[in-house]
C-alpha atoms as a PDB file:
ATOM      1  CA  MET A   1     -40.534 -75.800 -13.500  1.00  0.00           C
ATOM      2  CA  LEU A   2     -38.229 -78.097 -12.075  1.00  0.00           C
ATOM      3  CA  THR A   3     -39.584 -81.227 -10.555  1.00  0.00           C
ATOM      4  CA  ALA A   4     -37.950 -82.825  -7.332  1.00  0.00           C
ATOM      5  CA  LYS A   5     -36.594 -85.502  -9.435  1.00  0.00           C
ATOM      6  CA  SER A   6     -34.773 -83.174 -11.868  1.00  0.00           C
ATOM      7  CA  ASN A   7     -33.438 -81.215  -9.233  1.00  0.00           C
ATOM      8  CA  LYS A   8     -31.833 -84.173  -7.589  1.00  0.00           C
ATOM      9  CA  SER A   9     -30.509 -85.201 -10.836  1.00  0.00           C
ATOM     10  CA  ILE A  10     -28.981 -81.786 -11.396  1.00  0.00           C
ATOM     11  CA  GLN A  11     -27.565 -81.924  -7.824  1.00  0.00           C
ATOM     12  CA  ARG A  12     -26.140 -85.335  -8.332  1.00  0.00           C
ATOM     13  CA  VAL A  13     -24.388 -84.170 -11.646  1.00  0.00           C
ATOM     14  CA  ILE A  14     -22.812 -81.076  -9.972  1.00  0.00           C
ATOM     15  CA  TYR A  15     -21.642 -83.015  -7.058  1.00  0.00           C
ATOM     16  CA  GLU A  16     -19.991 -85.613  -9.100  1.00  0.00           C
ATOM     17  CA  THR A  17     -18.465 -83.196 -11.467  1.00  0.00           C
ATOM     18  CA  LEU A  18     -16.966 -80.998  -8.488  1.00  0.00           C
ATOM     19  CA  GLU A  19     -15.949 -83.971  -6.464  1.00  0.00           C
ATOM     20  CA  GLY A  20     -14.383 -85.734  -9.704  1.00  0.00           C
ATOM     21  CA  SER A  21     -16.719 -88.853  -8.902  1.00  0.00           C
ATOM     22  CA  VAL A  22     -17.049 -89.153 -12.706  1.00  0.00           C
ATOM     23  CA  HIS A  23     -14.252 -89.334 -15.128  1.00  0.00           C
ATOM     24  CA  ASN A  24     -15.765 -87.363 -17.989  1.00  0.00           C
ATOM     25  CA  LYS A  25     -14.784 -84.353 -19.885  1.00  0.00           C
ATOM     26  CA  ALA A  26     -16.631 -81.840 -18.058  1.00  0.00           C
ATOM     27  CA  SER A  27     -15.358 -83.083 -14.516  1.00  0.00           C
ATOM     28  CA  ARG A  28     -11.664 -82.584 -15.786  1.00  0.00           C
ATOM     29  CA  ILE A  29     -12.267 -79.205 -17.293  1.00  0.00           C
ATOM     30  CA  CYS A  30     -13.804 -78.126 -14.067  1.00  0.00           C
ATOM     31  CA  GLU A  31     -10.677 -79.310 -12.082  1.00  0.00           C
ATOM     32  CA  ILE A  32      -8.298 -77.622 -14.503  1.00  0.00           C
ATOM     33  CA  PHE A  33     -10.203 -74.569 -14.473  1.00  0.00           C
ATOM     34  CA  ILE A  34     -10.222 -74.305 -10.656  1.00  0.00           C
ATOM     35  CA  ALA A  35      -6.682 -75.318 -10.453  1.00  0.00           C
ATOM     36  CA  ALA A  36      -5.635 -72.521 -12.828  1.00  0.00           C
ATOM     37  CA  VAL A  37      -7.395 -69.836 -10.992  1.00  0.00           C
ATOM     38  CA  VAL A  38      -6.021 -70.801  -7.738  1.00  0.00           C
ATOM     39  CA  VAL A  39      -2.273 -70.817  -9.063  1.00  0.00           C
ATOM     40  CA  LEU A  40      -3.212 -67.472 -10.818  1.00  0.00           C
ATOM     41  CA  ASN A  41      -4.233 -66.029  -7.612  1.00  0.00           C
ATOM     42  CA  VAL A  42      -1.416 -67.025  -5.728  1.00  0.00           C
ATOM     43  CA  LEU A  43       0.691 -65.452  -8.374  1.00  0.00           C
ATOM     44  CA  ALA A  44      -1.166 -62.196  -8.137  1.00  0.00           C
ATOM     45  CA  ILE A  45      -0.927 -62.077  -4.450  1.00  0.00           C
ATOM     46  CA  ILE A  46       2.903 -62.370  -4.532  1.00  0.00           C
ATOM     47  CA  LEU A  47       3.334 -59.937  -7.429  1.00  0.00           C
ATOM     48  CA  GLU A  48       1.119 -57.687  -5.574  1.00  0.00           C
ATOM     49  CA  SER A  49       3.226 -57.418  -2.623  1.00  0.00           C
ATOM     50  CA  VAL A  50       5.673 -55.780  -4.926  1.00  0.00           C
ATOM     51  CA  HIS A  51       5.121 -51.939  -4.515  1.00  0.00           C
ATOM     52  CA  SER A  52       5.864 -50.921  -7.790  1.00  0.00           C
ATOM     53  CA  LEU A  53       3.487 -53.378  -9.233  1.00  0.00           C
ATOM     54  CA  HIS A  54       0.975 -52.828  -6.994  1.00  0.00           C
ATOM     55  CA  VAL A  55       0.771 -49.040  -7.703  1.00  0.00           C
ATOM     56  CA  GLU A  56       0.982 -49.602 -11.450  1.00  0.00           C
ATOM     57  CA  TYR A  57      -1.668 -52.456 -11.682  1.00  0.00           C
ATOM     58  CA  GLU A  58      -3.642 -51.777  -8.611  1.00  0.00           C
ATOM     59  CA  GLU A  59      -6.991 -51.745 -10.634  1.00  0.00           C
ATOM     60  CA  PHE A  60      -6.179 -54.935 -12.575  1.00  0.00           C
ATOM     61  CA  PHE A  61      -5.312 -56.714  -9.345  1.00  0.00           C
ATOM     62  CA  HIS A  62      -8.630 -55.406  -7.801  1.00  0.00           C
ATOM     63  CA  ILE A  63     -10.734 -56.761 -10.845  1.00  0.00           C
ATOM     64  CA  PHE A  64      -8.767 -59.916 -10.944  1.00  0.00           C
ATOM     65  CA  ASP A  65      -9.512 -60.509  -7.257  1.00  0.00           C
ATOM     66  CA  LEU A  66     -13.053 -59.659  -7.775  1.00  0.00           C
ATOM     67  CA  VAL A  67     -13.718 -62.310 -10.396  1.00  0.00           C
ATOM     68  CA  SER A  68     -11.926 -64.911  -8.435  1.00  0.00           C
ATOM     69  CA  VAL A  69     -14.075 -64.307  -5.455  1.00  0.00           C
ATOM     70  CA  ILE A  70     -17.169 -64.504  -7.640  1.00  0.00           C
ATOM     71  CA  ILE A  71     -15.750 -67.915  -8.966  1.00  0.00           C
ATOM     72  CA  PHE A  72     -14.677 -69.288  -5.619  1.00  0.00           C
ATOM     73  CA  SER A  73     -18.059 -68.163  -4.099  1.00  0.00           C
ATOM     74  CA  ALA A  74     -19.956 -69.797  -6.611  1.00  0.00           C
ATOM     75  CA  GLU A  75     -18.113 -72.951  -6.269  1.00  0.00           C
ATOM     76  CA  TYR A  76     -18.653 -72.871  -2.431  1.00  0.00           C
ATOM     77  CA  VAL A  77     -22.224 -72.298  -2.735  1.00  0.00           C
ATOM     78  CA  LEU A  78     -22.525 -75.242  -5.345  1.00  0.00           C
ATOM     79  CA  ARG A  79     -20.462 -77.529  -3.171  1.00  0.00           C
ATOM     80  CA  VAL A  80     -22.898 -76.781   0.047  1.00  0.00           C
ATOM     81  CA  TRP A  81     -26.023 -77.189  -2.007  1.00  0.00           C
ATOM     82  CA  SER A  82     -24.808 -80.426  -3.742  1.00  0.00           C
ATOM     83  CA  TYR A  83     -23.579 -82.040  -1.076  1.00  0.00           C
ATOM     84  CA  GLY A  84     -27.052 -82.718   0.018  1.00  0.00           C
ATOM     85  CA  VAL A  85     -27.359 -85.863  -2.247  1.00  0.00           C
ATOM     86  CA  LYS A  86     -24.323 -87.479  -0.774  1.00  0.00           C
ATOM     87  CA  TYR A  87     -26.476 -89.362   1.914  1.00  0.00           C
ATOM     88  CA  ALA A  88     -29.847 -90.808   1.510  1.00  0.00           C
ATOM     89  CA  LYS A  89     -32.784 -89.959   4.030  1.00  0.00           C
ATOM     90  CA  ASP A  90     -32.002 -92.975   6.095  1.00  0.00           C
ATOM     91  CA  GLU A  91     -28.433 -92.291   6.250  1.00  0.00           C
ATOM     92  CA  GLY A  92     -28.944 -88.871   7.714  1.00  0.00           C
ATOM     93  CA  GLY A  93     -30.284 -86.741   4.775  1.00  0.00           C
ATOM     94  CA  ALA A  94     -29.078 -83.672   2.922  1.00  0.00           C
ATOM     95  CA  TRP A  95     -27.976 -81.704   5.878  1.00  0.00           C
ATOM     96  CA  LYS A  96     -25.588 -84.502   7.019  1.00  0.00           C
ATOM     97  CA  GLY A  97     -23.523 -83.970   3.753  1.00  0.00           C
ATOM     98  CA  ARG A  98     -23.661 -80.253   3.802  1.00  0.00           C
ATOM     99  CA  LYS A  99     -22.505 -80.134   7.651  1.00  0.00           C
ATOM    100  CA  GLU A 100     -19.762 -82.690   6.595  1.00  0.00           C
ATOM    101  CA  TYR A 101     -18.434 -80.437   3.893  1.00  0.00           C
ATOM    102  CA  ILE A 102     -18.836 -77.065   5.667  1.00  0.00           C
ATOM    103  CA  PHE A 103     -16.824 -78.390   8.739  1.00  0.00           C
ATOM    104  CA  SER A 104     -14.435 -80.315   6.760  1.00  0.00           C
ATOM    105  CA  PHE A 105     -10.928 -79.147   5.774  1.00  0.00           C
ATOM    106  CA  TYR A 106     -11.734 -78.487   2.356  1.00  0.00           C
ATOM    107  CA  GLY A 107     -14.879 -76.579   3.775  1.00  0.00           C
ATOM    108  CA  PHE A 108     -12.827 -74.274   5.877  1.00  0.00           C
ATOM    109  CA  ILE A 109     -10.256 -73.737   3.168  1.00  0.00           C
ATOM    110  CA  ASP A 110     -13.059 -72.685   0.554  1.00  0.00           C
ATOM    111  CA  PHE A 111     -14.624 -70.478   3.085  1.00  0.00           C
ATOM    112  CA  PHE A 112     -11.669 -68.580   4.354  1.00  0.00           C
ATOM    113  CA  GLY A 113     -10.393 -68.190   0.580  1.00  0.00           C
ATOM    114  CA  THR A 114     -13.226 -65.994  -0.014  1.00  0.00           C
ATOM    115  CA  MET A 115     -13.911 -64.450   3.594  1.00  0.00           C
ATOM    116  CA  PRO A 116     -11.024 -61.614   2.971  1.00  0.00           C
ATOM    117  CA  PHE A 117     -12.905 -60.063   0.276  1.00  0.00           C
ATOM    118  CA  TYR A 118     -16.185 -59.811   2.219  1.00  0.00           C
ATOM    119  CA  ALA A 119     -14.421 -58.847   5.438  1.00  0.00           C
ATOM    120  CA  GLN A 120     -12.952 -56.039   3.715  1.00  0.00           C
ATOM    121  CA  LEU A 121     -16.259 -54.725   2.371  1.00  0.00           C
ATOM    122  CA  LEU A 122     -17.582 -54.898   5.887  1.00  0.00           C
ATOM    123  CA  PHE A 123     -14.583 -53.723   7.785  1.00  0.00           C
ATOM    124  CA  PRO A 124     -12.451 -51.354   5.454  1.00  0.00           C
ATOM    125  CA  GLY A 125      -9.942 -50.692   8.022  1.00  0.00           C
ATOM    126  CA  LEU A 126      -8.493 -54.313   8.196  1.00  0.00           C
ATOM    127  CA  ASP A 127      -4.831 -54.884   7.745  1.00  0.00           C
ATOM    128  CA  LEU A 128      -4.321 -55.782   4.094  1.00  0.00           C
ATOM    129  CA  ARG A 129      -1.432 -57.960   5.073  1.00  0.00           C
ATOM    130  CA  VAL A 130      -3.631 -60.131   7.193  1.00  0.00           C
ATOM    131  CA  LEU A 131      -6.166 -60.569   4.451  1.00  0.00           C
ATOM    132  CA  ARG A 132      -3.366 -61.576   2.121  1.00  0.00           C
ATOM    133  CA  ILE A 133      -2.509 -64.241   4.466  1.00  0.00           C
ATOM    134  CA  PHE A 134      -5.876 -65.645   4.351  1.00  0.00           C
ATOM    135  CA  ARG A 135      -6.043 -65.127   0.565  1.00  0.00           C
ATOM    136  CA  LEU A 136      -2.842 -67.549   0.476  1.00  0.00           C
ATOM    137  CA  MET A 137      -4.799 -70.194   1.934  1.00  0.00           C
ATOM    138  CA  ARG A 138      -6.447 -70.728  -1.426  1.00  0.00           C
ATOM    139  CA  ILE A 139      -3.443 -72.641  -2.579  1.00  0.00           C
ATOM    140  CA  PHE A 140      -4.478 -75.483  -0.174  1.00  0.00           C
ATOM    141  CA  LYS A 141      -7.427 -76.021  -2.696  1.00  0.00           C
ATOM    142  CA  LEU A 142      -5.060 -77.651  -5.039  1.00  0.00           C
ATOM    143  CA  SER A 143      -4.703 -80.431  -2.469  1.00  0.00           C
ATOM    144  CA  ARG A 144      -8.054 -81.617  -3.137  1.00  0.00           C
ATOM    145  CA  TYR A 145      -6.709 -82.734  -6.529  1.00  0.00           C
ATOM    146  CA  ASN A 146      -3.538 -84.307  -5.258  1.00  0.00           C
ATOM    147  CA  SER A 147      -3.056 -86.723  -2.444  1.00  0.00           C
ATOM    148  CA  ALA A 148       0.460 -85.440  -1.560  1.00  0.00           C
ATOM    149  CA  LEU A 149      -0.624 -83.371   1.602  1.00  0.00           C
ATOM    150  CA  GLN A 150      -2.958 -86.164   2.710  1.00  0.00           C
ATOM    151  CA  ASP A 151      -0.211 -88.553   2.242  1.00  0.00           C
ATOM    152  CA  LEU A 152       2.264 -86.572   4.289  1.00  0.00           C
ATOM    153  CA  PHE A 153      -0.622 -86.232   7.106  1.00  0.00           C
ATOM    154  CA  ASP A 154      -1.183 -89.918   6.988  1.00  0.00           C
ATOM    155  CA  ALA A 155       2.604 -90.664   7.361  1.00  0.00           C
ATOM    156  CA  ILE A 156       2.934 -88.551  10.209  1.00  0.00           C
ATOM    157  CA  LYS A 157      -0.076 -89.990  12.009  1.00  0.00           C
ATOM    158  CA  ALA A 158       1.171 -93.500  11.439  1.00  0.00           C
ATOM    159  CA  GLU A 159       4.475 -92.624  13.076  1.00  0.00           C
ATOM    160  CA  LYS A 160       3.116 -90.630  15.795  1.00  0.00           C
ATOM    161  CA  ASP A 161       4.912 -92.576  18.380  1.00  0.00           C
ATOM    162  CA  SER A 162       8.270 -92.076  16.585  1.00  0.00           C
ATOM    163  CA  PHE A 163       7.570 -88.263  16.247  1.00  0.00           C
ATOM    164  CA  THR A 164       6.735 -88.090  19.949  1.00  0.00           C
ATOM    165  CA  SER A 165       9.790 -89.664  20.908  1.00  0.00           C
ATOM    166  CA  ALA A 166      11.796 -87.299  18.798  1.00  0.00           C
ATOM    167  CA  LEU A 167      10.021 -84.212  20.238  1.00  0.00           C
ATOM    168  CA  PHE A 168      10.596 -85.525  23.593  1.00  0.00           C
ATOM    169  CA  LEU A 169      14.480 -85.957  22.949  1.00  0.00           C
ATOM    170  CA  LEU A 170      14.272 -82.184  21.626  1.00  0.00           C
ATOM    171  CA  LEU A 171      12.527 -81.103  24.824  1.00  0.00           C
ATOM    172  CA  ILE A 172      15.041 -82.879  27.188  1.00  0.00           C
ATOM    173  CA  SER A 173      17.908 -81.550  25.230  1.00  0.00           C
ATOM    174  CA  CYS A 174      16.561 -77.922  24.958  1.00  0.00           C
ATOM    175  CA  LEU A 175      16.103 -77.825  28.749  1.00  0.00           C
ATOM    176  CA  LEU A 176      19.729 -79.375  29.709  1.00  0.00           C
ATOM    177  CA  CYS A 177      21.742 -77.356  27.191  1.00  0.00           C
ATOM    178  CA  SER A 178      19.870 -74.127  27.862  1.00  0.00           C
ATOM    179  CA  SER A 179      20.693 -74.351  31.390  1.00  0.00           C
ATOM    180  CA  LEU A 180      24.231 -75.276  30.711  1.00  0.00           C
ATOM    181  CA  ILE A 181      24.686 -72.480  28.203  1.00  0.00           C
ATOM    182  CA  TYR A 182      23.290 -70.048  30.748  1.00  0.00           C
ATOM    183  CA  ILE A 183      25.524 -71.191  33.642  1.00  0.00           C
ATOM    184  CA  ALA A 184      28.668 -71.120  31.380  1.00  0.00           C
ATOM    185  CA  GLU A 185      27.823 -67.809  29.306  1.00  0.00           C
ATOM    186  CA  GLY A 186      25.282 -65.810  31.445  1.00  0.00           C
ATOM    187  CA  HIS A 187      27.640 -63.750  33.464  1.00  0.00           C
ATOM    188  CA  LEU A 188      29.703 -63.050  30.515  1.00  0.00           C
ATOM    189  CA  GLN A 189      27.006 -62.176  27.960  1.00  0.00           C
ATOM    190  CA  PRO A 190      24.236 -61.033  30.152  1.00  0.00           C
ATOM    191  CA  GLU A 191      22.501 -59.217  27.280  1.00  0.00           C
ATOM    192  CA  VAL A 192      22.478 -62.459  25.294  1.00  0.00           C
ATOM    193  CA  PHE A 193      21.673 -64.841  28.019  1.00  0.00           C
ATOM    194  CA  PRO A 194      19.887 -63.004  30.578  1.00  0.00           C
ATOM    195  CA  SER A 195      17.656 -66.173  31.654  1.00  0.00           C
ATOM    196  CA  ILE A 196      17.048 -69.775  30.928  1.00  0.00           C
ATOM    197  CA  PRO A 197      13.819 -68.929  28.537  1.00  0.00           C
ATOM    198  CA  ALA A 198      16.044 -66.615  26.636  1.00  0.00           C
ATOM    199  CA  THR A 199      18.712 -69.070  26.278  1.00  0.00           C
ATOM    200  CA  MET A 200      16.121 -71.472  25.199  1.00  0.00           C
ATOM    201  CA  LYS A 201      15.277 -69.079  22.346  1.00  0.00           C
ATOM    202  CA  TRP A 202      19.004 -69.173  21.312  1.00  0.00           C
ATOM    203  CA  PHE A 203      18.784 -73.067  21.364  1.00  0.00           C
ATOM    204  CA  VAL A 204      15.829 -73.232  18.996  1.00  0.00           C
ATOM    205  CA  LEU A 205      17.230 -70.795  16.682  1.00  0.00           C
ATOM    206  CA  THR A 206      20.590 -72.934  16.805  1.00  0.00           C
ATOM    207  CA  ILE A 207      18.722 -76.152  16.062  1.00  0.00           C
ATOM    208  CA  ILE A 208      16.714 -74.513  13.246  1.00  0.00           C
ATOM    209  CA  SER A 209      19.346 -72.395  11.296  1.00  0.00           C
ATOM    210  CA  GLY A 210      22.618 -74.076  12.551  1.00  0.00           C
ATOM    211  CA  TRP A 211      23.734 -70.805  14.194  1.00  0.00           C
ATOM    212  CA  GLY A 212      22.223 -68.864  16.997  1.00  0.00           C
ATOM    213  CA  ASN A 213      23.505 -65.484  15.856  1.00  0.00           C
ATOM    214  CA  VAL A 214      25.774 -65.514  18.882  1.00  0.00           C
ATOM    215  CA  ASP A 215      29.504 -66.993  19.432  1.00  0.00           C
ATOM    216  CA  PRO A 216      30.446 -68.364  22.860  1.00  0.00           C
ATOM    217  CA  VAL A 217      33.321 -66.841  24.625  1.00  0.00           C
ATOM    218  CA  THR A 218      34.194 -69.721  27.048  1.00  0.00           C
ATOM    219  CA  ILE A 219      35.736 -73.263  26.229  1.00  0.00           C
ATOM    220  CA  PHE A 220      32.730 -74.902  27.687  1.00  0.00           C
ATOM    221  CA  GLY A 221      30.242 -72.926  25.857  1.00  0.00           C
ATOM    222  CA  THR A 222      32.063 -73.701  22.580  1.00  0.00           C
ATOM    223  CA  ILE A 223      31.720 -77.361  23.567  1.00  0.00           C
ATOM    224  CA  LEU A 224      28.052 -77.029  24.160  1.00  0.00           C
ATOM    225  CA  VAL A 225      27.425 -75.091  20.780  1.00  0.00           C
ATOM    226  CA  VAL A 226      29.200 -77.757  19.012  1.00  0.00           C
ATOM    227  CA  LEU A 227      27.059 -80.475  20.813  1.00  0.00           C
ATOM    228  CA  THR A 228      23.913 -78.489  19.912  1.00  0.00           C
ATOM    229  CA  GLN A 229      24.435 -78.410  16.378  1.00  0.00           C
ATOM    230  CA  VAL A 230      25.589 -82.126  16.139  1.00  0.00           C
ATOM    231  CA  LEU A 231      22.186 -82.788  18.020  1.00  0.00           C
ATOM    232  CA  ALA A 232      20.306 -80.670  15.617  1.00  0.00           C
ATOM    233  CA  ILE A 233      21.798 -82.633  12.619  1.00  0.00           C
ATOM    234  CA  ALA A 234      20.679 -85.847  14.373  1.00  0.00           C
ATOM    235  CA  LEU A 235      17.222 -84.870  14.873  1.00  0.00           C
ATOM    236  CA  ALA A 236      16.988 -83.731  11.626  1.00  0.00           C
ATOM    237  CA  ALA A 237      18.231 -86.989  10.315  1.00  0.00           C
ATOM    238  CA  ILE A 238      15.938 -88.951  12.664  1.00  0.00           C
ATOM    239  CA  LEU A 239      12.642 -87.048  11.695  1.00  0.00           C
ATOM    240  CA  THR A 240      13.737 -87.203   7.875  1.00  0.00           C
ATOM    241  CA  GLY A 241      14.148 -91.040   8.155  1.00  0.00           C
ATOM    242  CA  VAL A 242      10.897 -91.254   9.853  1.00  0.00           C
ATOM    243  CA  VAL A 243       9.014 -89.368   7.374  1.00  0.00           C
ATOM    244  CA  ALA A 244      10.551 -90.982   4.342  1.00  0.00           C
ATOM    245  CA  THR A 245       9.808 -94.681   5.907  1.00  0.00           C
ATOM    246  CA  ALA A 246       6.428 -93.687   6.739  1.00  0.00           C
ATOM    247  CA  TYR A 247       5.637 -92.087   3.371  1.00  0.00           C
ATOM    248  CA  THR A 248       7.161 -95.137   1.546  1.00  0.00           C
ATOM    249  CA  THR A 249       4.882 -97.481   3.754  1.00  0.00           C
ATOM    250  CA  GLN A 250       1.811 -95.353   2.964  1.00  0.00           C
ATOM    251  CA  VAL A 251       2.556 -95.946  -0.840  1.00  0.00           C
ATOM    252  CA  GLN A 252       3.205 -99.596  -0.389  1.00  0.00           C
ATOM    253  CA  ARG A 253      -0.089-100.047   1.600  1.00  0.00           C
ATOM    254  CA  ARG A 254      -2.260 -98.151  -0.974  1.00  0.00           C
ATOM    255  CA  GLU A 255      -0.578-100.278  -3.628  1.00  0.00           C
ATOM    256  CA  THR A 256      -1.690-103.368  -1.750  1.00  0.00           C
ATOM    257  CA  VAL A 257      -5.204-102.028  -1.255  1.00  0.00           C
ATOM    258  CA  TYR A 258      -5.487-101.544  -5.071  1.00  0.00           C
ATOM    259  CA  GLU A 259      -3.991-104.941  -5.892  1.00  0.00           C
ATOM    260  CA  THR A 260      -6.516-106.423  -3.357  1.00  0.00           C
ATOM    261  CA  GLN A 261      -9.390-104.721  -5.344  1.00  0.00           C
ATOM    262  CA  ILE A 262      -8.009-106.002  -8.649  1.00  0.00           C
ATOM    263  CA  ARG A 263      -7.819-109.478  -7.427  1.00  0.00           C
ATOM    264  CA  GLU A 264     -11.320-109.384  -6.228  1.00  0.00           C
ATOM    265  CA  ALA A 265     -12.614-108.089  -9.494  1.00  0.00           C
ATOM    266  CA  LEU A 266     -10.781-110.821 -11.598  1.00  0.00           C
ATOM    267  CA  ALA A 267     -12.182-113.385  -9.172  1.00  0.00           C
ATOM    268  CA  ASP A 268     -14.676-114.308 -11.782  1.00  0.00           C
ATOM    269  CA  GLY A 269     -12.462-113.795 -14.702  1.00  0.00           C
ATOM    270  CA  ILE A 270     -13.974-110.562 -15.905  1.00  0.00           C
ATOM    271  CA  ILE A 271     -13.793-106.917 -14.840  1.00  0.00           C
ATOM    272  CA  THR A 272     -17.168-105.338 -15.387  1.00  0.00           C
ATOM    273  CA  ALA A 273     -17.734-101.801 -16.275  1.00  0.00           C
ATOM    274  CA  ASP A 274     -18.845-101.077 -12.535  1.00  0.00           C
ATOM    275  CA  GLU A 275     -15.644-102.658 -11.166  1.00  0.00           C
ATOM    276  CA  GLN A 276     -13.534-100.638 -13.899  1.00  0.00           C
ATOM    277  CA  GLU A 277     -15.075 -97.309 -12.615  1.00  0.00           C
ATOM    278  CA  LYS A 278     -14.406 -98.209  -9.131  1.00  0.00           C
ATOM    279  CA  LEU A 279     -10.817 -99.074  -9.741  1.00  0.00           C
ATOM    280  CA  GLU A 280     -10.483 -96.021 -11.547  1.00  0.00           C
ATOM    281  CA  GLN A 281     -11.795 -93.822  -8.803  1.00  0.00           C
ATOM    282  CA  LEU A 282      -9.403 -95.665  -6.424  1.00  0.00           C
ATOM    283  CA  ARG A 283      -6.637 -95.088  -8.780  1.00  0.00           C
ATOM    284  CA  ILE A 284      -7.303 -91.321  -8.825  1.00  0.00           C
ATOM    285  CA  GLN A 285      -7.778 -91.075  -4.998  1.00  0.00           C
ATOM    286  CA  PHE A 286      -4.432 -92.831  -4.499  1.00  0.00           C
ATOM    287  CA  GLY A 287      -2.721 -90.642  -7.064  1.00  0.00           C
ATOM    288  CA  MET A 288      -1.460 -93.880  -8.601  1.00  0.00           C
ATOM    289  CA  SER A 289      -0.067 -93.577 -12.424  1.00  0.00           C
ATOM    290  CA  VAL A 290      -1.611 -95.538 -15.175  1.00  0.00           C
ATOM    291  CA  GLU A 291       1.779 -97.109 -15.557  1.00  0.00           C
ATOM    292  CA  GLN A 292       1.615 -98.357 -12.071  1.00  0.00           C
ATOM    293  CA  VAL A 293      -1.873 -99.671 -12.566  1.00  0.00           C
ATOM    294  CA  GLU A 294      -1.036-101.530 -15.573  1.00  0.00           C
ATOM    295  CA  ALA A 295       2.029-103.118 -13.877  1.00  0.00           C
ATOM    296  CA  ILE A 296      -0.108-104.197 -10.646  1.00  0.00           C
ATOM    297  CA  LYS A 297      -2.909-105.500 -13.213  1.00  0.00           C
ATOM    298  CA  LYS A 298      -0.444-107.501 -15.289  1.00  0.00           C
ATOM    299  CA  GLN A 299       1.292-109.107 -12.407  1.00  0.00           C
ATOM    300  CA  VAL A 300      -2.209-110.218 -10.878  1.00  0.00           C
ATOM    301  CA  GLU A 301      -3.122-111.755 -14.193  1.00  0.00           C
ATOM    302  CA  GLU A 302       0.223-113.451 -14.634  1.00  0.00           C
ATOM    303  CA  GLU A 303      -0.109-115.145 -11.187  1.00  0.00           C
ATOM    304  CA  ARG A 304      -3.769-115.972 -11.686  1.00  0.00           C
ATOM    305  CA  ALA A 305      -2.998-117.646 -15.238  1.00  0.00           C
ATOM    306  CA  GLU A 306      -0.030-119.450 -13.508  1.00  0.00           C
ATOM    307  CA  GLY A 307      -2.437-120.744 -10.753  1.00  0.00           C
ATOM    308  CA  GLN A 308      -4.922-121.856 -13.245  1.00  0.00           C
ATOM    309  CA  GLY A 309      -2.089-123.668 -15.225  1.00  0.00           C
ATOM    310  CA  GLN A 310      -1.099-125.492 -12.130  1.00  0.00           C
ATOM    311  CA  THR A 311      -4.598-126.544 -11.247  1.00  0.00           C
ATOM    312  CA  HIS A 312      -4.913-127.679 -14.810  1.00  0.00           C
ATOM    313  CA  GLU A 313      -1.831-129.868 -14.495  1.00  0.00           C
ATOM    314  CA  GLN A 314      -2.916-131.392 -11.199  1.00  0.00           C
ATOM    315  CA  VAL A 315      -6.401-132.418 -12.539  1.00  0.00           C
ATOM    316  CA  HIS A 316      -4.950-134.309 -15.671  1.00  0.00           C
ATOM    317  CA  GLN A 317      -2.014-136.016 -13.579  1.00  0.00           C
ATOM    318  CA  PRO A 318      -2.282-139.668 -13.477  1.00  0.00           C
ATOM    319  CA  ALA A 319      -3.009-141.363  -9.978  1.00  0.00           C
ATOM    320  CA  THR A 320       0.146-142.881  -8.186  1.00  0.00           C
ATOM    321  CA  SER A 321       0.679-145.235  -5.436  1.00  0.00           C
ATOM    322  CA  THR A 322       2.679-144.630  -2.454  1.00  0.00           C
ATOM    323  CA  ASP A 323       5.436-146.819  -3.934  1.00  0.00           C
ATOM    324  CA  SER A 324       7.124-144.500  -6.488  1.00  0.00           C
ATOM    325  CA  ASN A 325       8.711-147.537  -8.345  1.00  0.00           C
ATOM    326  CA  GLN A 326       5.288-149.248  -9.266  1.00  0.00           C
ATOM    327  CA  TRP A 327       2.243-148.008 -10.870  1.00  0.00           C
ATOM    328  CA  TYR A 328      -1.244-149.727 -10.509  1.00  0.00           C
ATOM    329  CA  PRO A 329      -4.067-149.089 -13.060  1.00  0.00           C
ATOM    330  CA  THR A 330      -7.191-147.783 -11.635  1.00  0.00           C
ATOM    331  CA  ASN A 331      -9.340-150.892 -12.675  1.00  0.00           C
ATOM    332  CA  PRO A 332      -9.076-153.532  -9.989  1.00  0.00           C
ATOM    333  CA  ALA A 333      -9.947-156.250 -12.340  1.00  0.00           C
ATOM    334  CA  SER A 334      -6.941-155.578 -14.496  1.00  0.00           C
ATOM    335  CA  LYS A 335      -4.705-156.734 -11.685  1.00  0.00           C
ATOM    336  CA  ILE A 336      -3.001-160.183 -11.629  1.00  0.00           C
END
């Protein structure tokens, strides 16, 4: 029979393995295995939508989905159970960690990734196309092992004021251009521009695709269409520039944080095993390559060595008087 202590130990091992908190072979194999199953699932869902392949390999797709659901269900249950060791009793206990996972972004992704299979068993008449959309959400499980999606969200969050300004500009332009197009073209093309809301739909299509599937028949309408397309290009350039700048800033901020951690670790001149493990976890969390880390570490070590060299020179530098042309010995008795 397992004791409470051994039970906690198993929970800790499973938690660290699934979360990648430890960098051993088992954790790496687990990550690769889950990522491979996710990629194969998405590929199977795409191929299953081809009618001829679905008819010919229907049994194979069903068996593969069944095996995948078993794997993902086991992963979900193990994550819920193992998250009980994340917090000590004085920090909230087991249920705090479990609730944190269940109601987190990845918790919802893991849940809805398996829900369609059980929903189809309970309600056989459900639309398979809707269930396929939920199954495609499994692709977001890959973001657990790559920080790109989180980096994008952080970049947008950091530049939310710029995004708000761009969206406000888009709203004003939509209302103004739609109203003018309705006035200029509404009486000539009532089936296309019957109202301002319908014209706003045309404006959005023009902004997104560059053409709203309708050609204006008046000169004023033509000018407005050209202005709308120019505005679309300008807004796309603004938003692209904002995202690119924010993303670059995010990467630089992470490199700065990592460099700070290295400086703190090298404060005593030695990087211990615990410090090395924390730095490795931080590297994986930030999605930094080994080459980037080595370059930062080398730069910090060179700056530290240079600083120590300057300090050594200052210690051994002879004392001088305020008069740069005359040197006095340190022993007063030697003066004449």
